[in-house]
Amino acid sequence: LPGNSIDSESVIILINSLAKNNKLKTLELGYNIRHIHIPPSGWAALLKCLCNTSSINDIFNSNHTLENVMGMNCMDPISWMARRNAFDAALGIDNANLLFASIYVNGTLNRMLVARRKILWSHARGNVSIGDSSIATGAMPTIISWFRDDSNIQYDKYDCERRWSTRKVILARLDSVYRILRSRPSILQNGRAKERERTKRKSDEMKGLRDENKELREEIKRLKAINGNDINNVQDENKRLKTMLQAISRISQGGADAH
């Protein structure tokens, strides 16, 4: 919307109207007749539009499409640093980080993944509590596993002085997981019960294998005994036949001598 009579108040109204919009990706407001100075309330309205942390449902229903506002996602690091102090003053460092991170992630992932990441950010910041939500306890282990990915922990990608250190990311991740477990202790109880069940199942399987092994060993012994008896019987039969042949041979030899 460049080159229109848009003032600061109109910008706030325009931003508020984009909360449910899922089509517009870029909002350009340059070269308007009246110089636009967006007040802190305007940037707060933009943040609420992109990531309304009032509740998990509100975050899910926020704008996950708008990815560039007045060139915010196209600034080089120098321009970023030049304007960053103004955003920090208007919103505070954490909210300014969340604003830029929300704009950035809107342009990189599909809507479901964007919504998921914003919910994880808001939980890590303490704005909402995933553990106190209506999400089923059975889904919590999967949600907890999402915190292992550093990309699910929001940080300022340009401001090196405020960049989240590895230690801070780890602490934020652990704190996020702890608050979920504190709200849903049944996750651990279910985990222990499942572990006991798995242990018992493995024990039963091992017992079954040992019993089967014992049966196989006894069957092998029985077959060996049968084979041993058969060999002995054959040997005895051979001896008996040899004895008969010798007797017949002697009788035949005696008859020949008599003639």
C-alpha atoms as a PDB file:
ATOM      1  CA  LEU A   1       0.000   0.000   0.000  1.00  0.00           C
ATOM      2  CA  PRO A   2       2.677   2.569  -0.846  1.00  0.00           C
ATOM      3  CA  GLY A   3       1.717   6.099  -1.814  1.00  0.00           C
ATOM      4  CA  ASN A   4      -1.559   6.367   0.113  1.00  0.00           C
ATOM      5  CA  SER A   5      -2.828   8.695   2.844  1.00  0.00           C
ATOM      6  CA  ILE A   6      -2.148   6.239   5.633  1.00  0.00           C
ATOM      7  CA  ASP A   7      -1.291   7.623   9.045  1.00  0.00           C
ATOM      8  CA  SER A   8      -0.169   5.955  12.265  1.00  0.00           C
ATOM      9  CA  GLU A   9      -3.690   5.314  13.554  1.00  0.00           C
ATOM     10  CA  SER A  10      -4.728   3.778  10.250  1.00  0.00           C
ATOM     11  CA  VAL A  11      -1.719   1.443  10.399  1.00  0.00           C
ATOM     12  CA  ILE A  12      -2.864   0.038  13.739  1.00  0.00           C
ATOM     13  CA  ILE A  13      -6.366  -0.555  12.373  1.00  0.00           C
ATOM     14  CA  LEU A  14      -4.852  -2.228   9.308  1.00  0.00           C
ATOM     15  CA  ILE A  15      -2.623  -4.473  11.404  1.00  0.00           C
ATOM     16  CA  ASN A  16      -5.508  -5.535  13.652  1.00  0.00           C
ATOM     17  CA  SER A  17      -7.488  -6.504  10.556  1.00  0.00           C
ATOM     18  CA  LEU A  18      -4.793  -8.989   9.514  1.00  0.00           C
ATOM     19  CA  ALA A  19      -5.144 -11.284  12.533  1.00  0.00           C
ATOM     20  CA  LYS A  20      -7.289 -13.814  10.642  1.00  0.00           C
ATOM     21  CA  ASN A  21      -5.777 -13.203   7.214  1.00  0.00           C
ATOM     22  CA  ASN A  22      -4.065 -16.208   5.632  1.00  0.00           C
ATOM     23  CA  LYS A  23      -3.319 -14.789   2.177  1.00  0.00           C
ATOM     24  CA  LEU A  24      -1.237 -11.621   2.550  1.00  0.00           C
ATOM     25  CA  LYS A  25       2.507 -12.273   2.804  1.00  0.00           C
ATOM     26  CA  THR A  26       4.019  -8.794   2.411  1.00  0.00           C
ATOM     27  CA  LEU A  27       2.797  -5.459   3.775  1.00  0.00           C
ATOM     28  CA  GLU A  28       4.604  -2.449   2.289  1.00  0.00           C
ATOM     29  CA  LEU A  29       3.655   1.020   3.526  1.00  0.00           C
ATOM     30  CA  GLY A  30       6.412   3.225   2.118  1.00  0.00           C
ATOM     31  CA  TYR A  31       6.010   6.527   0.238  1.00  0.00           C
ATOM     32  CA  ASN A  32       2.729   7.494   1.817  1.00  0.00           C
ATOM     33  CA  ILE A  33       1.581  11.117   1.691  1.00  0.00           C
ATOM     34  CA  ARG A  34       1.744  11.412   5.434  1.00  0.00           C
ATOM     35  CA  HIS A  35       4.859  10.168   7.194  1.00  0.00           C
ATOM     36  CA  ILE A  36       4.134   6.977   9.074  1.00  0.00           C
ATOM     37  CA  HIS A  37       5.469   6.702  12.575  1.00  0.00           C
ATOM     38  CA  ILE A  38       4.267   3.462  14.091  1.00  0.00           C
ATOM     39  CA  PRO A  39       3.939   3.962  17.866  1.00  0.00           C
ATOM     40  CA  PRO A  40       4.816   1.215  20.381  1.00  0.00           C
ATOM     41  CA  SER A  41       1.134   0.259  20.474  1.00  0.00           C
ATOM     42  CA  GLY A  42       1.346  -0.399  16.730  1.00  0.00           C
ATOM     43  CA  TRP A  43       4.273  -2.785  17.062  1.00  0.00           C
ATOM     44  CA  ALA A  44       2.524  -4.444  20.014  1.00  0.00           C
ATOM     45  CA  ALA A  45      -0.538  -4.886  17.789  1.00  0.00           C
ATOM     46  CA  LEU A  46       1.656  -6.461  15.097  1.00  0.00           C
ATOM     47  CA  LEU A  47       3.168  -8.855  17.627  1.00  0.00           C
ATOM     48  CA  LYS A  48      -0.295  -9.807  18.876  1.00  0.00           C
ATOM     49  CA  CYS A  49      -1.396 -10.331  15.288  1.00  0.00           C
ATOM     50  CA  LEU A  50       1.516 -12.673  14.584  1.00  0.00           C
ATOM     51  CA  CYS A  51       1.673 -14.445  17.948  1.00  0.00           C
ATOM     52  CA  ASN A  52      -1.201 -13.785  20.324  1.00  0.00           C
ATOM     53  CA  THR A  53       0.086 -15.339  23.539  1.00  0.00           C
ATOM     54  CA  SER A  54      -3.207 -14.967  25.439  1.00  0.00           C
ATOM     55  CA  SER A  55      -3.752 -18.714  25.133  1.00  0.00           C
ATOM     56  CA  ILE A  56      -2.634 -21.711  23.111  1.00  0.00           C
ATOM     57  CA  ASN A  57      -5.753 -21.464  20.959  1.00  0.00           C
ATOM     58  CA  ASP A  58      -5.061 -17.782  20.317  1.00  0.00           C
ATOM     59  CA  ILE A  59      -1.504 -18.601  19.263  1.00  0.00           C
ATOM     60  CA  PHE A  60      -2.800 -21.312  16.940  1.00  0.00           C
ATOM     61  CA  ASN A  61      -5.283 -18.878  15.403  1.00  0.00           C
ATOM     62  CA  SER A  62      -2.710 -16.085  14.952  1.00  0.00           C
ATOM     63  CA  ASN A  63      -1.425 -14.938  11.577  1.00  0.00           C
ATOM     64  CA  HIS A  64       1.095 -17.497  10.296  1.00  0.00           C
ATOM     65  CA  THR A  65       1.296 -16.126   6.750  1.00  0.00           C
ATOM     66  CA  LEU A  66       2.593 -12.544   6.959  1.00  0.00           C
ATOM     67  CA  GLU A  67       6.364 -12.793   6.476  1.00  0.00           C
ATOM     68  CA  ASN A  68       7.473  -9.244   5.629  1.00  0.00           C
ATOM     69  CA  VAL A  69       6.280  -5.923   7.062  1.00  0.00           C
ATOM     70  CA  MET A  70       7.952  -2.782   5.729  1.00  0.00           C
ATOM     71  CA  GLY A  71      11.065  -4.782   4.814  1.00  0.00           C
ATOM     72  CA  MET A  72      11.575  -6.255   8.295  1.00  0.00           C
ATOM     73  CA  ASN A  73      12.509  -9.674   6.904  1.00  0.00           C
ATOM     74  CA  CYS A  74      14.793  -8.239   4.231  1.00  0.00           C
ATOM     75  CA  MET A  75      17.130  -6.168   6.397  1.00  0.00           C
ATOM     76  CA  ASP A  76      20.839  -6.843   6.321  1.00  0.00           C
ATOM     77  CA  PRO A  77      22.601  -7.176   9.693  1.00  0.00           C
ATOM     78  CA  ILE A  78      23.702  -3.523   9.682  1.00  0.00           C
ATOM     79  CA  SER A  79      20.161  -2.234   9.083  1.00  0.00           C
ATOM     80  CA  TRP A  80      18.907  -4.701  11.669  1.00  0.00           C
ATOM     81  CA  MET A  81      21.241  -3.332  14.323  1.00  0.00           C
ATOM     82  CA  ALA A  82      20.385   0.255  13.392  1.00  0.00           C
ATOM     83  CA  ARG A  83      16.666  -0.299  13.991  1.00  0.00           C
ATOM     84  CA  ARG A  84      16.893  -2.854  16.773  1.00  0.00           C
ATOM     85  CA  ASN A  85      17.197  -0.375  19.634  1.00  0.00           C
ATOM     86  CA  ALA A  86      13.936   1.258  18.565  1.00  0.00           C
ATOM     87  CA  PHE A  87      12.130  -2.075  18.613  1.00  0.00           C
ATOM     88  CA  ASP A  88      13.647  -2.973  21.984  1.00  0.00           C
ATOM     89  CA  ALA A  89      12.460   0.351  23.408  1.00  0.00           C
ATOM     90  CA  ALA A  90       8.972  -0.146  22.001  1.00  0.00           C
ATOM     91  CA  LEU A  91       8.436  -3.786  22.944  1.00  0.00           C
ATOM     92  CA  GLY A  92      11.252  -4.891  25.230  1.00  0.00           C
ATOM     93  CA  ILE A  93      14.047  -7.214  24.149  1.00  0.00           C
ATOM     94  CA  ASP A  94      12.146 -10.493  24.504  1.00  0.00           C
ATOM     95  CA  ASN A  95       9.044  -9.277  22.700  1.00  0.00           C
ATOM     96  CA  ALA A  96      11.153  -7.681  19.958  1.00  0.00           C
ATOM     97  CA  ASN A  97      12.895 -11.039  19.499  1.00  0.00           C
ATOM     98  CA  LEU A  98       9.531 -12.780  19.327  1.00  0.00           C
ATOM     99  CA  LEU A  99       8.233 -10.272  16.758  1.00  0.00           C
ATOM    100  CA  PHE A 100      11.147 -10.736  14.365  1.00  0.00           C
ATOM    101  CA  ALA A 101      11.297 -14.480  14.942  1.00  0.00           C
ATOM    102  CA  SER A 102       7.562 -14.777  14.173  1.00  0.00           C
ATOM    103  CA  ILE A 103       7.951 -12.852  10.931  1.00  0.00           C
ATOM    104  CA  TYR A 104      10.968 -14.938   9.990  1.00  0.00           C
ATOM    105  CA  VAL A 105       9.387 -18.319  10.744  1.00  0.00           C
ATOM    106  CA  ASN A 106       6.188 -17.381   8.892  1.00  0.00           C
ATOM    107  CA  GLY A 107       8.192 -17.430   5.687  1.00  0.00           C
ATOM    108  CA  THR A 108      10.047 -20.690   6.262  1.00  0.00           C
ATOM    109  CA  LEU A 109       7.588 -23.377   7.380  1.00  0.00           C
ATOM    110  CA  ASN A 110       4.042 -24.539   6.737  1.00  0.00           C
ATOM    111  CA  ARG A 111       1.282 -23.145   8.944  1.00  0.00           C
ATOM    112  CA  MET A 112       1.038 -26.133  11.282  1.00  0.00           C
ATOM    113  CA  LEU A 113       4.767 -26.169  12.026  1.00  0.00           C
ATOM    114  CA  VAL A 114       4.784 -22.371  12.446  1.00  0.00           C
ATOM    115  CA  ALA A 115       1.920 -22.576  14.947  1.00  0.00           C
ATOM    116  CA  ARG A 116       3.644 -25.405  16.804  1.00  0.00           C
ATOM    117  CA  ARG A 117       6.899 -23.490  17.054  1.00  0.00           C
ATOM    118  CA  LYS A 118       5.178 -20.331  18.304  1.00  0.00           C
ATOM    119  CA  ILE A 119       3.381 -22.356  20.977  1.00  0.00           C
ATOM    120  CA  LEU A 120       6.703 -23.856  22.104  1.00  0.00           C
ATOM    121  CA  TRP A 121       8.286 -20.387  22.191  1.00  0.00           C
ATOM    122  CA  SER A 122       5.409 -18.986  24.233  1.00  0.00           C
ATOM    123  CA  HIS A 123       5.620 -21.885  26.681  1.00  0.00           C
ATOM    124  CA  ALA A 124       9.385 -21.395  27.041  1.00  0.00           C
ATOM    125  CA  ARG A 125       8.801 -17.678  27.697  1.00  0.00           C
ATOM    126  CA  GLY A 126       6.163 -18.456  30.325  1.00  0.00           C
ATOM    127  CA  ASN A 127       3.289 -16.835  28.432  1.00  0.00           C
ATOM    128  CA  VAL A 128       1.273 -20.063  28.292  1.00  0.00           C
ATOM    129  CA  SER A 129       1.509 -23.469  29.953  1.00  0.00           C
ATOM    130  CA  ILE A 130       1.290 -26.528  27.757  1.00  0.00           C
ATOM    131  CA  GLY A 131       0.978 -28.727  30.837  1.00  0.00           C
ATOM    132  CA  ASP A 132      -2.157 -26.893  31.992  1.00  0.00           C
ATOM    133  CA  SER A 133      -3.798 -27.105  28.572  1.00  0.00           C
ATOM    134  CA  SER A 134      -6.423 -29.583  27.378  1.00  0.00           C
ATOM    135  CA  ILE A 135      -3.840 -31.535  25.379  1.00  0.00           C
ATOM    136  CA  ALA A 136      -4.049 -35.245  26.173  1.00  0.00           C
ATOM    137  CA  THR A 137      -1.409 -36.579  28.552  1.00  0.00           C
ATOM    138  CA  GLY A 138      -0.555 -39.300  26.047  1.00  0.00           C
ATOM    139  CA  ALA A 139       0.648 -36.632  23.611  1.00  0.00           C
ATOM    140  CA  MET A 140       2.937 -34.925  26.136  1.00  0.00           C
ATOM    141  CA  PRO A 141       6.022 -37.157  25.597  1.00  0.00           C
ATOM    142  CA  THR A 142       5.963 -36.231  21.911  1.00  0.00           C
ATOM    143  CA  ILE A 143       5.623 -32.527  22.749  1.00  0.00           C
ATOM    144  CA  ILE A 144       8.490 -32.770  25.250  1.00  0.00           C
ATOM    145  CA  SER A 145      10.672 -34.337  22.546  1.00  0.00           C
ATOM    146  CA  TRP A 146      10.150 -31.231  20.371  1.00  0.00           C
ATOM    147  CA  PHE A 147      12.156 -29.169  22.863  1.00  0.00           C
ATOM    148  CA  ARG A 148      15.292 -31.144  21.988  1.00  0.00           C
ATOM    149  CA  ASP A 149      15.548 -29.224  18.706  1.00  0.00           C
ATOM    150  CA  ASP A 150      17.372 -25.893  19.093  1.00  0.00           C
ATOM    151  CA  SER A 151      15.240 -24.424  16.289  1.00  0.00           C
ATOM    152  CA  ASN A 152      12.256 -24.695  18.626  1.00  0.00           C
ATOM    153  CA  ILE A 153      13.909 -22.257  21.043  1.00  0.00           C
ATOM    154  CA  GLN A 154      13.569 -18.687  19.777  1.00  0.00           C
ATOM    155  CA  TYR A 155      16.571 -16.399  19.701  1.00  0.00           C
ATOM    156  CA  ASP A 156      17.689 -13.208  17.945  1.00  0.00           C
ATOM    157  CA  LYS A 157      19.452 -14.305  14.763  1.00  0.00           C
ATOM    158  CA  TYR A 158      21.427 -11.084  14.192  1.00  0.00           C
ATOM    159  CA  ASP A 159      22.052  -9.344  17.520  1.00  0.00           C
ATOM    160  CA  CYS A 160      25.194 -11.110  18.749  1.00  0.00           C
ATOM    161  CA  GLU A 161      25.180  -9.284  22.098  1.00  0.00           C
ATOM    162  CA  ARG A 162      21.744 -10.661  22.879  1.00  0.00           C
ATOM    163  CA  ARG A 163      22.126 -14.001  21.118  1.00  0.00           C
ATOM    164  CA  TRP A 164      20.935 -16.880  23.254  1.00  0.00           C
ATOM    165  CA  SER A 165      23.969 -18.840  24.386  1.00  0.00           C
ATOM    166  CA  THR A 166      23.985 -22.624  24.322  1.00  0.00           C
ATOM    167  CA  ARG A 167      23.668 -22.616  28.104  1.00  0.00           C
ATOM    168  CA  LYS A 168      20.606 -20.371  27.997  1.00  0.00           C
ATOM    169  CA  VAL A 169      18.987 -22.540  25.340  1.00  0.00           C
ATOM    170  CA  ILE A 170      19.589 -25.652  27.464  1.00  0.00           C
ATOM    171  CA  LEU A 171      18.180 -23.951  30.563  1.00  0.00           C
ATOM    172  CA  ALA A 172      15.106 -22.767  28.642  1.00  0.00           C
ATOM    173  CA  ARG A 173      14.581 -26.293  27.315  1.00  0.00           C
ATOM    174  CA  LEU A 174      14.948 -27.912  30.725  1.00  0.00           C
ATOM    175  CA  ASP A 175      12.687 -25.338  32.378  1.00  0.00           C
ATOM    176  CA  SER A 176      10.046 -25.890  29.697  1.00  0.00           C
ATOM    177  CA  VAL A 177      10.113 -29.656  30.195  1.00  0.00           C
ATOM    178  CA  TYR A 178      10.123 -29.300  33.993  1.00  0.00           C
ATOM    179  CA  ARG A 179       6.992 -27.115  33.980  1.00  0.00           C
ATOM    180  CA  ILE A 180       5.165 -29.659  31.835  1.00  0.00           C
ATOM    181  CA  LEU A 181       6.166 -32.525  34.132  1.00  0.00           C
ATOM    182  CA  ARG A 182       5.244 -30.505  37.208  1.00  0.00           C
ATOM    183  CA  SER A 183       1.771 -29.907  35.750  1.00  0.00           C
ATOM    184  CA  ARG A 184       1.381 -33.510  34.591  1.00  0.00           C
ATOM    185  CA  PRO A 185       3.118 -35.813  37.107  1.00  0.00           C
ATOM    186  CA  SER A 186       1.107 -38.686  35.659  1.00  0.00           C
ATOM    187  CA  ILE A 187       3.484 -38.607  32.687  1.00  0.00           C
ATOM    188  CA  LEU A 188       6.239 -39.955  34.933  1.00  0.00           C
ATOM    189  CA  GLN A 189       3.890 -42.348  36.689  1.00  0.00           C
ATOM    190  CA  ASN A 190       2.686 -43.693  33.364  1.00  0.00           C
ATOM    191  CA  GLY A 191       6.289 -43.891  32.247  1.00  0.00           C
ATOM    192  CA  ARG A 192       7.283 -45.950  35.284  1.00  0.00           C
ATOM    193  CA  ALA A 193       4.249 -48.193  34.886  1.00  0.00           C
ATOM    194  CA  LYS A 194       5.083 -48.732  31.221  1.00  0.00           C
ATOM    195  CA  GLU A 195       8.697 -49.426  32.134  1.00  0.00           C
ATOM    196  CA  ARG A 196       7.595 -52.025  34.690  1.00  0.00           C
ATOM    197  CA  GLU A 197       5.306 -53.523  32.085  1.00  0.00           C
ATOM    198  CA  ARG A 198       8.142 -53.663  29.553  1.00  0.00           C
ATOM    199  CA  THR A 199      10.452 -55.227  32.149  1.00  0.00           C
ATOM    200  CA  LYS A 200       7.856 -57.863  33.053  1.00  0.00           C
ATOM    201  CA  ARG A 201       7.210 -58.597  29.391  1.00  0.00           C
ATOM    202  CA  LYS A 202      10.920 -59.047  28.740  1.00  0.00           C
ATOM    203  CA  SER A 203      11.216 -61.255  31.838  1.00  0.00           C
ATOM    204  CA  ASP A 204       8.312 -63.418  30.641  1.00  0.00           C
ATOM    205  CA  GLU A 205       9.883 -63.648  27.188  1.00  0.00           C
ATOM    206  CA  MET A 206      13.209 -64.717  28.696  1.00  0.00           C
ATOM    207  CA  LYS A 207      11.489 -67.337  30.864  1.00  0.00           C
ATOM    208  CA  GLY A 208       9.680 -68.660  27.801  1.00  0.00           C
ATOM    209  CA  LEU A 209      12.942 -68.836  25.876  1.00  0.00           C
ATOM    210  CA  ARG A 210      14.661 -70.639  28.757  1.00  0.00           C
ATOM    211  CA  ASP A 211      11.803 -73.175  28.994  1.00  0.00           C
ATOM    212  CA  GLU A 212      11.922 -73.704  25.234  1.00  0.00           C
ATOM    213  CA  ASN A 213      15.681 -74.142  25.385  1.00  0.00           C
ATOM    214  CA  LYS A 214      15.304 -76.719  28.128  1.00  0.00           C
ATOM    215  CA  GLU A 215      12.730 -78.654  26.107  1.00  0.00           C
ATOM    216  CA  LEU A 216      14.984 -78.606  23.054  1.00  0.00           C
ATOM    217  CA  ARG A 217      17.932 -79.904  25.077  1.00  0.00           C
ATOM    218  CA  GLU A 218      15.823 -82.752  26.462  1.00  0.00           C
ATOM    219  CA  GLU A 219      14.590 -83.586  22.966  1.00  0.00           C
ATOM    220  CA  ILE A 220      18.170 -83.666  21.689  1.00  0.00           C
ATOM    221  CA  LYS A 221      19.168 -86.011  24.531  1.00  0.00           C
ATOM    222  CA  ARG A 222      16.212 -88.258  23.744  1.00  0.00           C
ATOM    223  CA  LEU A 223      17.104 -88.379  20.060  1.00  0.00           C
ATOM    224  CA  LYS A 224      20.717 -89.141  20.898  1.00  0.00           C
ATOM    225  CA  ALA A 225      19.596 -91.967  23.193  1.00  0.00           C
ATOM    226  CA  ILE A 226      17.360 -93.382  20.466  1.00  0.00           C
ATOM    227  CA  ASN A 227      20.148 -93.172  17.926  1.00  0.00           C
ATOM    228  CA  GLY A 228      22.572 -94.782  20.395  1.00  0.00           C
ATOM    229  CA  ASN A 229      20.176 -97.673  21.017  1.00  0.00           C
ATOM    230  CA  ASP A 230      19.661 -98.140  17.282  1.00  0.00           C
ATOM    231  CA  ILE A 231      23.406 -98.318  16.764  1.00  0.00           C
ATOM    232  CA  ASN A 232      23.765-100.888  19.529  1.00  0.00           C
ATOM    233  CA  ASN A 233      20.912-102.953  18.075  1.00  0.00           C
ATOM    234  CA  VAL A 234      22.483-102.876  14.620  1.00  0.00           C
ATOM    235  CA  GLN A 235      25.838-103.903  16.049  1.00  0.00           C
ATOM    236  CA  ASP A 236      24.252-106.810  17.961  1.00  0.00           C
ATOM    237  CA  GLU A 237      22.381-107.870  14.816  1.00  0.00           C
ATOM    238  CA  ASN A 238      25.608-107.801  12.829  1.00  0.00           C
ATOM    239  CA  LYS A 239      27.342-109.968  15.413  1.00  0.00           C
ATOM    240  CA  ARG A 240      24.436-112.454  15.377  1.00  0.00           C
ATOM    241  CA  LEU A 241      24.481-112.631  11.601  1.00  0.00           C
ATOM    242  CA  LYS A 242      28.236-113.110  11.552  1.00  0.00           C
ATOM    243  CA  THR A 243      27.910-115.952  14.076  1.00  0.00           C
ATOM    244  CA  MET A 244      25.207-117.584  11.937  1.00  0.00           C
ATOM    245  CA  LEU A 245      27.349-117.224   8.815  1.00  0.00           C
ATOM    246  CA  GLN A 246      30.307-118.807  10.590  1.00  0.00           C
ATOM    247  CA  ALA A 247      28.130-121.693  11.790  1.00  0.00           C
ATOM    248  CA  ILE A 248      26.721-122.236   8.339  1.00  0.00           C
ATOM    249  CA  SER A 249      30.195-122.096   6.901  1.00  0.00           C
ATOM    250  CA  ARG A 250      31.439-124.729   9.327  1.00  0.00           C
ATOM    251  CA  ILE A 251      28.473-126.994   8.612  1.00  0.00           C
ATOM    252  CA  SER A 252      29.048-126.613   4.909  1.00  0.00           C
ATOM    253  CA  GLN A 253      32.750-127.341   5.324  1.00  0.00           C
ATOM    254  CA  GLY A 254      31.985-130.499   7.434  1.00  0.00           C
ATOM    255  CA  GLY A 255      29.601-131.825   4.803  1.00  0.00           C
ATOM    256  CA  ALA A 256      32.172-131.368   2.075  1.00  0.00           C
ATOM    257  CA  ASP A 257      34.775-133.267   4.095  1.00  0.00           C
ATOM    258  CA  ALA A 258      32.306-136.209   4.649  1.00  0.00           C
ATOM    259  CA  HIS A 259      31.798-136.624   0.902  1.00  0.00           C
END
